[in-house]
Protein backbone atom coordinates (compact mmCIF):
# COMPACT_ATOMS: atom_id res chain seq x y z
CA MET A 1 -91.54 113.43 -59.19
CA LEU A 2 -95.07 113.01 -60.91
CA LYS A 3 -93.31 112.02 -63.91
CA ILE A 4 -91.95 108.98 -62.79
CA LEU A 5 -94.73 107.79 -60.22
CA LYS A 6 -97.14 108.16 -63.28
CA PRO A 7 -94.93 105.53 -65.41
CA THR A 8 -94.38 103.76 -62.36
CA LEU A 9 -97.73 103.08 -61.88
CA LEU A 10 -99.16 101.96 -65.73
CA VAL A 11 -95.47 99.58 -64.99
CA ILE A 12 -97.26 98.22 -61.61
CA CYS A 13 -100.96 97.88 -62.92
CA PHE A 14 -100.37 96.51 -66.45
CA CYS A 15 -97.70 93.64 -64.40
CA ILE A 16 -100.84 92.86 -61.82
CA ALA A 17 -103.25 92.68 -65.21
CA SER A 18 -100.89 89.91 -66.53
CA LEU A 19 -100.68 88.33 -63.26
CA CYS A 20 -103.95 88.13 -62.67
CA GLN A 21 -104.43 86.52 -65.98
CA ILE A 22 -101.85 83.84 -64.99
CA PHE A 23 -103.94 82.92 -61.95
CA ALA A 24 -106.69 82.68 -64.09
CA GLU A 25 -105.12 80.16 -66.30
CA ASP A 26 -104.15 78.51 -63.34
CA ASN A 27 -100.66 78.49 -64.97
CA VAL A 28 -98.33 79.65 -62.67
CA SER A 29 -94.63 79.40 -64.25
CA ASP A 30 -92.78 82.20 -62.54
CA ASN A 31 -93.16 82.55 -58.58
CA GLU A 32 -90.38 84.46 -58.44
CA THR A 33 -91.86 87.60 -60.67
CA ILE A 34 -95.23 86.92 -58.62
CA VAL A 35 -93.22 88.37 -55.35
CA GLU A 36 -91.79 90.80 -56.98
CA ILE A 37 -94.78 92.35 -58.80
CA ARG A 38 -96.29 91.69 -55.06
CA GLN A 39 -93.45 93.54 -53.33
CA GLN A 40 -93.47 96.30 -55.67
CA THR A 41 -97.25 96.65 -55.36
CA MET A 42 -96.49 97.14 -50.98
CA GLN A 43 -93.75 99.54 -51.89
CA ALA A 44 -96.56 101.51 -54.23
CA ILE A 45 -98.81 101.42 -51.66
CA TRP A 46 -95.90 102.74 -48.61
CA GLN A 47 -95.47 106.04 -51.19
CA ARG A 48 -99.11 106.46 -51.20
CA LEU A 49 -99.26 106.20 -47.13
CA ASP A 50 -96.35 108.36 -46.11
CA ARG A 51 -97.23 111.13 -48.65
CA LEU A 52 -100.84 110.51 -46.73
CA SER A 53 -99.10 111.49 -43.61
CA ALA A 54 -99.80 115.16 -43.96
CA LEU A 55 -103.21 114.72 -43.56
CA ILE A 56 -102.57 113.61 -39.82
CA ALA A 57 -99.74 116.18 -39.39
CA ARG A 58 -99.53 118.83 -36.64
CA PRO A 59 -98.43 122.43 -36.34
CA GLY A 60 -94.94 122.78 -36.30
CA ASP A 61 -93.99 119.30 -38.65
CA VAL A 62 -91.99 118.85 -41.03
CA ILE A 63 -93.45 117.08 -44.24
CA ALA A 64 -91.07 116.35 -47.33
CA SER A 65 -93.20 117.28 -50.34
CA SER A 66 -92.91 114.81 -53.51
CA ASP A 67 -90.03 117.06 -55.43
CA GLY A 68 -88.25 116.68 -52.04
CA ASN A 69 -88.22 120.14 -50.58
CA SER A 70 -88.84 120.42 -46.53
CA ILE A 71 -92.38 122.45 -45.61
CA VAL A 72 -93.24 123.48 -42.20
CA ILE A 73 -96.90 123.10 -40.98
CA GLY A 74 -98.33 126.64 -39.88
CA ASN A 75 -100.18 127.39 -37.07
CA LYS A 76 -102.98 128.70 -39.28
CA GLU A 77 -106.05 126.59 -39.78
CA THR A 78 -105.53 125.41 -43.61
CA GLN A 79 -108.30 122.27 -44.62
CA SER A 80 -105.77 118.93 -44.97
CA THR A 81 -106.75 118.16 -48.18
CA GLU A 82 -105.51 121.86 -49.22
CA THR A 83 -102.70 121.00 -47.41
CA TYR A 84 -101.89 118.14 -49.30
CA ALA A 85 -102.70 118.82 -52.92
CA LEU A 86 -99.94 122.52 -52.26
CA ILE A 87 -97.57 119.74 -50.64
CA HIS A 88 -97.44 116.88 -52.99
CA GLY A 89 -99.19 118.39 -56.39
CA ARG A 90 -102.22 116.21 -56.54
CA GLU A 91 -105.20 114.92 -54.59
CA ALA A 92 -104.95 113.08 -51.60
CA ILE A 93 -108.24 111.12 -52.77
CA GLN A 94 -106.09 109.82 -55.72
CA ASP A 95 -103.36 108.66 -53.69
CA ALA A 96 -106.45 106.79 -50.85
CA SER A 97 -107.82 105.32 -54.29
CA GLU A 98 -104.49 104.10 -55.65
CA ILE A 99 -104.19 102.24 -52.40
CA SER A 100 -107.37 100.50 -51.98
CA ASN A 101 -106.89 99.80 -55.45
CA PHE A 102 -103.67 97.60 -55.66
CA LEU A 103 -105.14 96.11 -52.25
CA LYS A 104 -107.44 94.69 -53.39
CA GLN A 105 -105.52 93.54 -57.18
CA VAL A 106 -103.17 91.64 -54.88
CA LYS A 107 -105.30 90.24 -52.28
CA ASP A 108 -104.47 87.11 -53.74
CA PHE A 109 -101.13 87.19 -54.81
CA TRP A 110 -99.99 84.81 -51.62
CA PRO A 111 -100.40 81.58 -52.58
CA ASP A 112 -98.15 78.38 -51.15
CA ASN A 113 -95.64 78.40 -54.01
CA THR A 114 -94.88 81.73 -53.00
CA SER A 115 -94.16 81.09 -49.27
CA ALA A 116 -90.13 81.88 -48.17
CA ALA A 117 -90.05 78.19 -48.31
CA HIS A 118 -89.76 78.58 -51.44
CA ILE A 119 -88.64 81.76 -52.38
CA LYS A 120 -85.93 83.34 -50.44
CA HIS A 121 -86.38 86.79 -51.03
CA THR A 122 -89.56 86.89 -50.05
CA SER A 123 -89.85 89.80 -46.72
CA ALA A 124 -93.22 88.03 -45.79
CA GLU A 125 -92.99 85.34 -42.47
CA LYS A 126 -94.37 81.73 -42.80
CA LEU A 127 -97.04 82.93 -40.55
CA VAL A 128 -98.69 84.08 -44.06
CA TRP A 129 -98.74 80.15 -44.82
CA LEU A 130 -99.79 78.79 -41.32
CA ILE A 131 -102.15 80.57 -40.66
CA PRO A 132 -104.17 81.72 -43.14
CA ASP A 133 -107.63 82.86 -41.91
CA ALA A 134 -105.59 85.43 -39.57
CA PHE A 135 -103.62 86.95 -42.56
CA LYS A 136 -107.02 87.34 -44.53
CA ARG A 137 -108.71 89.12 -41.39
CA TYR A 138 -105.77 91.88 -41.26
CA TYR A 139 -105.43 92.14 -44.88
CA THR A 140 -109.78 92.83 -45.14
CA ASP A 141 -109.46 95.23 -42.53
CA ALA A 142 -106.98 97.34 -44.54
CA VAL A 143 -108.60 97.10 -47.36
CA ILE A 144 -111.62 98.44 -45.64
CA ALA A 145 -109.43 101.27 -43.23
CA SER A 146 -108.71 102.25 -47.73
CA GLU A 147 -112.37 102.08 -48.25
CA ASN A 148 -113.23 104.23 -45.49
CA LEU A 149 -110.60 106.90 -45.83
CA GLU A 150 -111.83 107.13 -49.52
CA LEU A 151 -115.13 107.89 -47.78
CA SER A 152 -114.32 110.14 -45.38
CA LEU A 153 -112.28 112.71 -47.79
CA SER A 154 -115.63 112.66 -50.24
CA SER A 155 -117.27 114.18 -46.98
CA GLU A 156 -114.34 116.67 -46.49
CA ASP A 157 -114.70 116.66 -42.67
CA ASP A 158 -111.07 117.38 -41.31
CA GLU A 159 -111.89 114.73 -38.53
CA LYS A 160 -112.58 112.47 -40.23
CA ILE A 161 -110.09 112.67 -42.25
CA ARG A 162 -107.34 112.43 -40.14
CA ARG A 163 -109.06 109.34 -38.49
CA SER A 164 -109.08 107.63 -41.10
CA VAL A 165 -105.85 108.05 -42.39
CA CYS A 166 -104.68 106.61 -38.61
CA MET A 167 -106.88 103.57 -39.37
CA LEU A 168 -105.03 103.15 -42.46
CA ALA A 169 -102.31 103.28 -41.06
CA LEU A 170 -102.40 101.60 -37.94
CA SER A 171 -104.21 98.15 -39.78
CA CYS A 172 -101.44 98.21 -41.52
CA GLY A 173 -98.95 98.48 -39.56
CA ARG A 174 -100.76 96.08 -37.62
CA CYS A 175 -101.03 93.20 -40.40
CA HIS A 176 -96.63 94.03 -40.85
CA ALA A 177 -96.05 93.82 -37.45
CA ALA A 178 -97.40 89.99 -37.46
CA PHE A 179 -96.60 88.93 -41.02
CA ARG A 180 -93.83 90.90 -42.24
CA LYS A 181 -89.84 90.97 -41.77
CA VAL A 182 -88.64 94.49 -40.87
CA ARG A 183 -85.04 94.28 -41.89
CA TYR A 184 -82.73 96.32 -39.47
CA SER A 185 -81.39 97.90 -42.03
CA ASN A 186 -84.89 99.20 -43.43
CA LEU A 187 -86.08 100.46 -40.25
CA ARG A 188 -84.87 104.06 -40.47
CA LYS A 189 -86.15 104.21 -43.99
CA GLU A 190 -89.80 101.95 -43.75
CA GLY A 191 -90.43 102.47 -39.97
CA ARG A 192 -93.04 105.00 -39.86
CA GLY A 193 -95.06 103.85 -43.04
CA TRP A 194 -94.74 99.53 -42.54
CA THR A 195 -95.59 99.89 -38.52
CA GLY A 196 -98.16 102.98 -38.75
CA SER A 197 -96.50 104.50 -35.87
CA TYR A 198 -97.54 107.95 -36.13
CA GLU A 199 -96.93 109.99 -33.00
CA SER A 200 -100.47 112.07 -34.51
CA CYS A 201 -101.95 108.25 -34.65
CA TRP A 202 -101.22 107.24 -31.08
CA LYS A 203 -104.80 107.97 -29.91
CA TYR A 204 -106.13 105.37 -31.93
CA LYS A 205 -103.39 102.57 -30.83
CA ASN A 206 -105.66 101.03 -27.93
CA GLU A 207 -108.84 100.64 -29.91
CA ILE A 208 -106.97 98.72 -33.22
CA THR A 209 -105.28 96.44 -31.07
CA LEU A 210 -108.36 95.13 -29.46
CA ASP A 211 -110.00 93.82 -31.56
CA SER A 212 -111.49 95.44 -35.92
CA THR A 213 -114.30 97.51 -35.25
CA SER A 214 -112.48 100.04 -35.08
CA ILE A 215 -111.41 100.10 -38.87
CA ARG A 216 -114.77 98.87 -39.73
CA LYS A 217 -116.45 102.33 -37.95
């Protein structure tokens, strides 16, 4: 799995770098390519966020490892980052950093000519372009939440880590609820990651629906 992810990550980074150059030259000729890279990047973010859900798992929860095995979380107290490394064969900070970088790299990848009015296969709702200030605010909250997660992982405080994972999941979920089309056929596959509806995060849900201050803490 790691051998597959590394080339995929390199391809996405290369494509993002190429598109950034196109934006810099103000010569966007292939809007569909922009949308495809945008979608690939969001999928890459979701894959990492779904792996990071291992950090908020509770005793008895079943976690899918990167090699496809199902692992039941035991009752023994184990530092969450250690559990993560055992399950996925990589450090949690690596996934968190990659999410943060991806979010920052594609924050300007929603120009007007890539809206649903121009591109048929985009999953972005028209509201992205109708109320851009709201979209920008929600997106910025997700970026801040990803940065906070990196900081909490550096602190090695399990409670802070769990809360930060939830804040990231809920901020992504809130943005997707407003600005992304979730097709019924994909709900079972993507619903948990795209909506941020992890059971362990329910206690924070009321905080995040009121305003963005909880995310920024």
